[in-house]
Amino acid sequence: RNAILTEGTFREFEAGEELIREDQFIRSFPIVISGVIKVCRTDETGNELLLYYLRPGEVCTVSLTCCMDRTRSRVKAITEEDSTAILVPVELLDSWMTQYQTWKEYVMRSIQKRFDELLDALDSIAFLKMDERLEKFFIDRYKTTQTKVFEGSHQDIAQAMNSSREVISRLLKQMEKKGMVVLSRGRIDYSPLCD
């Protein structure tokens, strides 16, 4: 902890700010102090696929692997809400792995957690129908952010789920008829799914 506080740089980020860009070399990796950061991938046409969220106390393991290999980032990280993080220089990663057993355990637990989440995402894509995936999207979002309202468009959800806006809009209307969500312009209240 002392090494992180001494060597890291405390930063505040506004909602929607990009911390990591795809195809960039990473000079420092964030450890989240407050807020929520989404980690996603985009294809050449701009379609986005949500991989996972970072919550307080977590580190982006994909950026760690890029740091270890000195390769370009394959993901982008964007703040979902106002957030704070400690940015740790990449050159410390290797030495801390050998110097601090607690750091090594922290990194290994983080990698295991992300691996489990990626398997869960893969299972969702492979085994769940789109309506089930959409319901899971809101439930997972609640577990991550503790919010019961999505502020954004149907297109934003479609991008996060690698689907089309038309499909998402149709499914949301079906969910609204079933009392699972309440739709309004730029806002989806999914509190019935969280109870």
C-alpha atoms as a PDB file:
ATOM      1  CA  ARG A   1       0.000   0.000   0.000  1.00  0.00           C
ATOM      2  CA  ASN A   2       2.791   2.379   0.862  1.00  0.00           C
ATOM      3  CA  ALA A   3       4.496   1.672  -2.472  1.00  0.00           C
ATOM      4  CA  ILE A   4       1.246   2.328  -4.347  1.00  0.00           C
ATOM      5  CA  LEU A   5       0.707   5.601  -2.490  1.00  0.00           C
ATOM      6  CA  THR A   6       4.333   6.663  -2.989  1.00  0.00           C
ATOM      7  CA  GLU A   7       4.763   5.654  -6.638  1.00  0.00           C
ATOM      8  CA  GLY A   8       1.208   6.092  -7.946  1.00  0.00           C
ATOM      9  CA  THR A   9      -0.491   9.286  -9.089  1.00  0.00           C
ATOM     10  CA  PHE A  10      -3.983  10.095  -7.822  1.00  0.00           C
ATOM     11  CA  ARG A  11      -6.312  11.286 -10.611  1.00  0.00           C
ATOM     12  CA  GLU A  12      -9.935  12.351 -10.882  1.00  0.00           C
ATOM     13  CA  PHE A  13     -11.910  11.573 -14.037  1.00  0.00           C
ATOM     14  CA  GLU A  14     -15.249  12.875 -15.250  1.00  0.00           C
ATOM     15  CA  ALA A  15     -17.953  10.530 -16.538  1.00  0.00           C
ATOM     16  CA  GLY A  16     -17.279   9.514 -20.138  1.00  0.00           C
ATOM     17  CA  GLU A  17     -13.543  10.131 -19.960  1.00  0.00           C
ATOM     18  CA  GLU A  18     -11.267   7.629 -21.698  1.00  0.00           C
ATOM     19  CA  LEU A  19      -8.449   6.268 -19.529  1.00  0.00           C
ATOM     20  CA  ILE A  20      -7.092   3.667 -21.943  1.00  0.00           C
ATOM     21  CA  ARG A  21      -7.384   3.752 -25.723  1.00  0.00           C
ATOM     22  CA  GLU A  22      -7.180   0.763 -28.014  1.00  0.00           C
ATOM     23  CA  ASP A  23      -3.885   0.365 -29.854  1.00  0.00           C
ATOM     24  CA  GLN A  24      -1.918   2.603 -27.486  1.00  0.00           C
ATOM     25  CA  PHE A  25       1.100   1.618 -25.424  1.00  0.00           C
ATOM     26  CA  ILE A  26       0.123   1.819 -21.779  1.00  0.00           C
ATOM     27  CA  ARG A  27       2.395   3.922 -19.578  1.00  0.00           C
ATOM     28  CA  SER A  28       0.406   3.452 -16.380  1.00  0.00           C
ATOM     29  CA  PHE A  29      -2.474   1.274 -15.256  1.00  0.00           C
ATOM     30  CA  PRO A  30      -5.365   2.408 -13.053  1.00  0.00           C
ATOM     31  CA  ILE A  31      -6.401   1.030  -9.693  1.00  0.00           C
ATOM     32  CA  VAL A  32      -9.953   2.273  -9.148  1.00  0.00           C
ATOM     33  CA  ILE A  33     -10.594   4.188  -5.924  1.00  0.00           C
ATOM     34  CA  SER A  34     -14.174   5.321  -6.585  1.00  0.00           C
ATOM     35  CA  GLY A  35     -16.667   5.195  -9.418  1.00  0.00           C
ATOM     36  CA  VAL A  36     -17.086   2.665 -12.210  1.00  0.00           C
ATOM     37  CA  ILE A  37     -15.029   2.154 -15.356  1.00  0.00           C
ATOM     38  CA  LYS A  38     -16.196   0.040 -18.280  1.00  0.00           C
ATOM     39  CA  VAL A  39     -13.693  -1.958 -20.296  1.00  0.00           C
ATOM     40  CA  CYS A  40     -14.694  -2.794 -23.854  1.00  0.00           C
ATOM     41  CA  ARG A  41     -13.483  -3.621 -27.349  1.00  0.00           C
ATOM     42  CA  THR A  42     -14.521  -2.036 -30.620  1.00  0.00           C
ATOM     43  CA  ASP A  43     -14.354  -3.319 -34.163  1.00  0.00           C
ATOM     44  CA  GLU A  44     -13.272  -1.353 -37.238  1.00  0.00           C
ATOM     45  CA  THR A  45     -16.808  -0.017 -37.781  1.00  0.00           C
ATOM     46  CA  GLY A  46     -17.110   1.294 -34.215  1.00  0.00           C
ATOM     47  CA  ASN A  47     -19.285  -1.477 -32.794  1.00  0.00           C
ATOM     48  CA  GLU A  48     -18.531  -1.934 -29.130  1.00  0.00           C
ATOM     49  CA  LEU A  49     -18.558  -5.026 -26.938  1.00  0.00           C
ATOM     50  CA  LEU A  50     -18.600  -4.605 -23.161  1.00  0.00           C
ATOM     51  CA  LEU A  51     -16.101  -6.939 -21.500  1.00  0.00           C
ATOM     52  CA  TYR A  52     -16.431  -5.995 -17.834  1.00  0.00           C
ATOM     53  CA  TYR A  53     -16.700  -3.187 -15.307  1.00  0.00           C
ATOM     54  CA  LEU A  54     -14.008  -2.069 -12.884  1.00  0.00           C
ATOM     55  CA  ARG A  55     -15.182  -1.179  -9.394  1.00  0.00           C
ATOM     56  CA  PRO A  56     -13.324   0.365  -6.437  1.00  0.00           C
ATOM     57  CA  GLY A  57     -10.267  -1.674  -5.466  1.00  0.00           C
ATOM     58  CA  GLU A  58      -9.971  -3.309  -8.892  1.00  0.00           C
ATOM     59  CA  VAL A  59      -7.374  -3.080 -11.625  1.00  0.00           C
ATOM     60  CA  CYS A  60      -7.736  -3.628 -15.371  1.00  0.00           C
ATOM     61  CA  THR A  61      -6.100  -6.996 -15.933  1.00  0.00           C
ATOM     62  CA  VAL A  62      -6.090  -6.656 -19.707  1.00  0.00           C
ATOM     63  CA  SER A  63      -3.940  -3.548 -19.327  1.00  0.00           C
ATOM     64  CA  LEU A  64      -1.697  -5.469 -16.923  1.00  0.00           C
ATOM     65  CA  THR A  65      -1.076  -8.159 -19.530  1.00  0.00           C
ATOM     66  CA  CYS A  66      -0.254  -5.489 -22.113  1.00  0.00           C
ATOM     67  CA  CYS A  67       2.190  -3.983 -19.620  1.00  0.00           C
ATOM     68  CA  MET A  68       3.856  -7.357 -19.002  1.00  0.00           C
ATOM     69  CA  ASP A  69       4.307  -7.996 -22.728  1.00  0.00           C
ATOM     70  CA  ARG A  70       4.961  -4.342 -23.630  1.00  0.00           C
ATOM     71  CA  THR A  71       2.261  -4.603 -26.312  1.00  0.00           C
ATOM     72  CA  ARG A  72      -0.420  -2.179 -27.424  1.00  0.00           C
ATOM     73  CA  SER A  73      -3.752  -2.146 -25.632  1.00  0.00           C
ATOM     74  CA  ARG A  74      -6.496  -4.291 -27.138  1.00  0.00           C
ATOM     75  CA  VAL A  75      -9.232  -2.632 -25.080  1.00  0.00           C
ATOM     76  CA  LYS A  76     -10.453   0.784 -24.105  1.00  0.00           C
ATOM     77  CA  ALA A  77     -11.470   1.890 -20.631  1.00  0.00           C
ATOM     78  CA  ILE A  78     -14.043   4.654 -20.140  1.00  0.00           C
ATOM     79  CA  THR A  79     -15.489   6.045 -16.924  1.00  0.00           C
ATOM     80  CA  GLU A  80     -19.205   5.333 -16.514  1.00  0.00           C
ATOM     81  CA  GLU A  81     -19.469   7.984 -13.803  1.00  0.00           C
ATOM     82  CA  ASP A  82     -17.162  10.449 -12.097  1.00  0.00           C
ATOM     83  CA  SER A  83     -14.301   8.311 -10.828  1.00  0.00           C
ATOM     84  CA  THR A  84     -10.960   8.431  -9.102  1.00  0.00           C
ATOM     85  CA  ALA A  85      -7.990   6.135  -9.580  1.00  0.00           C
ATOM     86  CA  ILE A  86      -4.354   5.733  -8.721  1.00  0.00           C
ATOM     87  CA  LEU A  87      -2.236   5.428 -11.859  1.00  0.00           C
ATOM     88  CA  VAL A  88       0.775   3.156 -11.348  1.00  0.00           C
ATOM     89  CA  PRO A  89       3.727   3.332 -13.781  1.00  0.00           C
ATOM     90  CA  VAL A  90       4.061   0.122 -15.820  1.00  0.00           C
ATOM     91  CA  GLU A  91       7.755  -0.315 -15.083  1.00  0.00           C
ATOM     92  CA  LEU A  92       6.910  -1.144 -11.446  1.00  0.00           C
ATOM     93  CA  LEU A  93       4.727  -4.140 -12.334  1.00  0.00           C
ATOM     94  CA  ASP A  94       7.542  -6.690 -12.698  1.00  0.00           C
ATOM     95  CA  SER A  95       9.541  -5.627  -9.658  1.00  0.00           C
ATOM     96  CA  TRP A  96       6.443  -5.518  -7.447  1.00  0.00           C
ATOM     97  CA  MET A  97       5.515  -9.079  -8.497  1.00  0.00           C
ATOM     98  CA  THR A  98       8.770 -10.350  -6.966  1.00  0.00           C
ATOM     99  CA  GLN A  99       9.093  -7.785  -4.181  1.00  0.00           C
ATOM    100  CA  TYR A 100       5.582  -7.936  -2.723  1.00  0.00           C
ATOM    101  CA  GLN A 101       3.739 -11.235  -2.247  1.00  0.00           C
ATOM    102  CA  THR A 102       0.506  -9.330  -1.544  1.00  0.00           C
ATOM    103  CA  TRP A 103       0.771  -7.527  -4.903  1.00  0.00           C
ATOM    104  CA  LYS A 104       1.347 -10.816  -6.710  1.00  0.00           C
ATOM    105  CA  GLU A 105      -1.734 -12.322  -5.001  1.00  0.00           C
ATOM    106  CA  TYR A 106      -3.786  -9.213  -5.855  1.00  0.00           C
ATOM    107  CA  VAL A 107      -2.819  -9.420  -9.524  1.00  0.00           C
ATOM    108  CA  MET A 108      -3.458 -13.166  -9.729  1.00  0.00           C
ATOM    109  CA  ARG A 109      -6.889 -12.809  -8.064  1.00  0.00           C
ATOM    110  CA  SER A 110      -7.730  -9.999 -10.485  1.00  0.00           C
ATOM    111  CA  ILE A 111      -6.761 -12.107 -13.491  1.00  0.00           C
ATOM    112  CA  GLN A 112      -8.810 -15.050 -12.192  1.00  0.00           C
ATOM    113  CA  LYS A 113     -11.849 -12.839 -11.605  1.00  0.00           C
ATOM    114  CA  ARG A 114     -11.675 -11.346 -15.114  1.00  0.00           C
ATOM    115  CA  PHE A 115     -11.176 -14.785 -16.651  1.00  0.00           C
ATOM    116  CA  ASP A 116     -14.314 -16.005 -14.851  1.00  0.00           C
ATOM    117  CA  GLU A 117     -16.251 -12.937 -16.045  1.00  0.00           C
ATOM    118  CA  LEU A 118     -15.106 -13.457 -19.629  1.00  0.00           C
ATOM    119  CA  LEU A 119     -16.202 -17.090 -19.478  1.00  0.00           C
ATOM    120  CA  ASP A 120     -19.550 -15.890 -18.146  1.00  0.00           C
ATOM    121  CA  ALA A 121     -19.846 -13.428 -21.050  1.00  0.00           C
ATOM    122  CA  LEU A 122     -18.948 -16.145 -23.518  1.00  0.00           C
ATOM    123  CA  ASP A 123     -21.558 -18.433 -21.983  1.00  0.00           C
ATOM    124  CA  SER A 124     -24.155 -15.673 -22.310  1.00  0.00           C
ATOM    125  CA  ILE A 125     -23.401 -15.161 -25.981  1.00  0.00           C
ATOM    126  CA  ALA A 126     -23.303 -18.882 -26.722  1.00  0.00           C
ATOM    127  CA  PHE A 127     -26.163 -20.171 -24.592  1.00  0.00           C
ATOM    128  CA  LEU A 128     -28.618 -17.356 -23.827  1.00  0.00           C
ATOM    129  CA  LYS A 129     -31.193 -15.871 -26.145  1.00  0.00           C
ATOM    130  CA  MET A 130     -30.931 -12.123 -26.745  1.00  0.00           C
ATOM    131  CA  ASP A 131     -33.839 -11.325 -24.393  1.00  0.00           C
ATOM    132  CA  GLU A 132     -32.100 -13.286 -21.608  1.00  0.00           C
ATOM    133  CA  ARG A 133     -28.824 -11.510 -22.377  1.00  0.00           C
ATOM    134  CA  LEU A 134     -30.561  -8.133 -22.137  1.00  0.00           C
ATOM    135  CA  GLU A 135     -32.078  -9.008 -18.768  1.00  0.00           C
ATOM    136  CA  LYS A 136     -28.649 -10.203 -17.581  1.00  0.00           C
ATOM    137  CA  PHE A 137     -27.117  -6.935 -18.843  1.00  0.00           C
ATOM    138  CA  PHE A 138     -29.337  -4.923 -16.477  1.00  0.00           C
ATOM    139  CA  ILE A 139     -28.899  -7.293 -13.526  1.00  0.00           C
ATOM    140  CA  ASP A 140     -25.099  -7.293 -13.928  1.00  0.00           C
ATOM    141  CA  ARG A 141     -25.157  -3.514 -14.245  1.00  0.00           C
ATOM    142  CA  TYR A 142     -27.073  -3.265 -10.968  1.00  0.00           C
ATOM    143  CA  LYS A 143     -24.604  -5.599  -9.228  1.00  0.00           C
ATOM    144  CA  THR A 144     -21.745  -3.425 -10.463  1.00  0.00           C
ATOM    145  CA  THR A 145     -23.066   0.092 -10.054  1.00  0.00           C
ATOM    146  CA  GLN A 146     -25.947  -0.324  -7.552  1.00  0.00           C
ATOM    147  CA  THR A 147     -28.014   1.880  -9.860  1.00  0.00           C
ATOM    148  CA  LYS A 148     -31.434   0.835 -11.113  1.00  0.00           C
ATOM    149  CA  VAL A 149     -31.631   3.308 -13.994  1.00  0.00           C
ATOM    150  CA  PHE A 150     -29.741   3.273 -17.279  1.00  0.00           C
ATOM    151  CA  GLU A 151     -29.128   6.785 -18.581  1.00  0.00           C
ATOM    152  CA  GLY A 152     -28.554   6.404 -22.307  1.00  0.00           C
ATOM    153  CA  SER A 153     -30.039   5.313 -25.583  1.00  0.00           C
ATOM    154  CA  HIS A 154     -31.126   1.971 -26.964  1.00  0.00           C
ATOM    155  CA  GLN A 155     -28.159   2.337 -29.338  1.00  0.00           C
ATOM    156  CA  ASP A 156     -25.784   2.530 -26.337  1.00  0.00           C
ATOM    157  CA  ILE A 157     -27.099  -0.805 -25.073  1.00  0.00           C
ATOM    158  CA  ALA A 158     -26.968  -2.308 -28.567  1.00  0.00           C
ATOM    159  CA  GLN A 159     -23.305  -1.309 -28.853  1.00  0.00           C
ATOM    160  CA  ALA A 160     -22.465  -2.741 -25.441  1.00  0.00           C
ATOM    161  CA  MET A 161     -24.149  -6.024 -26.364  1.00  0.00           C
ATOM    162  CA  ASN A 162     -22.906  -6.108 -29.968  1.00  0.00           C
ATOM    163  CA  SER A 163     -26.439  -6.099 -31.333  1.00  0.00           C
ATOM    164  CA  SER A 164     -28.614  -3.726 -33.360  1.00  0.00           C
ATOM    165  CA  ARG A 165     -30.695  -0.872 -31.991  1.00  0.00           C
ATOM    166  CA  GLU A 166     -33.813  -2.301 -33.607  1.00  0.00           C
ATOM    167  CA  VAL A 167     -33.444  -5.643 -31.817  1.00  0.00           C
ATOM    168  CA  ILE A 168     -32.778  -3.975 -28.466  1.00  0.00           C
ATOM    169  CA  SER A 169     -35.717  -1.563 -28.883  1.00  0.00           C
ATOM    170  CA  ARG A 170     -38.076  -4.423 -29.708  1.00  0.00           C
ATOM    171  CA  LEU A 171     -36.918  -6.456 -26.698  1.00  0.00           C
ATOM    172  CA  LEU A 172     -37.161  -3.451 -24.381  1.00  0.00           C
ATOM    173  CA  LYS A 173     -40.767  -2.868 -25.456  1.00  0.00           C
ATOM    174  CA  GLN A 174     -41.524  -6.524 -24.700  1.00  0.00           C
ATOM    175  CA  MET A 175     -39.858  -6.179 -21.297  1.00  0.00           C
ATOM    176  CA  GLU A 176     -41.900  -3.044 -20.607  1.00  0.00           C
ATOM    177  CA  LYS A 177     -45.148  -4.894 -21.400  1.00  0.00           C
ATOM    178  CA  LYS A 178     -44.126  -7.569 -18.885  1.00  0.00           C
ATOM    179  CA  GLY A 179     -43.421  -4.914 -16.214  1.00  0.00           C
ATOM    180  CA  MET A 180     -39.691  -5.619 -16.166  1.00  0.00           C
ATOM    181  CA  VAL A 181     -38.589  -2.090 -17.191  1.00  0.00           C
ATOM    182  CA  VAL A 182     -40.030   1.413 -17.503  1.00  0.00           C
ATOM    183  CA  LEU A 183     -38.966   3.216 -20.674  1.00  0.00           C
ATOM    184  CA  SER A 184     -38.681   6.958 -21.161  1.00  0.00           C
ATOM    185  CA  ARG A 185     -36.551   9.079 -23.474  1.00  0.00           C
ATOM    186  CA  GLY A 186     -32.862   8.504 -22.753  1.00  0.00           C
ATOM    187  CA  ARG A 187     -33.686   6.557 -19.599  1.00  0.00           C
ATOM    188  CA  ILE A 188     -34.530   2.965 -18.695  1.00  0.00           C
ATOM    189  CA  ASP A 189     -35.676   2.153 -15.171  1.00  0.00           C
ATOM    190  CA  TYR A 190     -34.931  -1.529 -14.580  1.00  0.00           C
ATOM    191  CA  SER A 191     -35.635  -1.538 -10.831  1.00  0.00           C
ATOM    192  CA  PRO A 192     -38.250  -4.341 -11.153  1.00  0.00           C
ATOM    193  CA  LEU A 193     -35.393  -6.671 -12.194  1.00  0.00           C
ATOM    194  CA  CYS A 194     -33.384  -5.791  -9.082  1.00  0.00           C
ATOM    195  CA  ASP A 195     -35.966  -6.680  -6.441  1.00  0.00           C
END
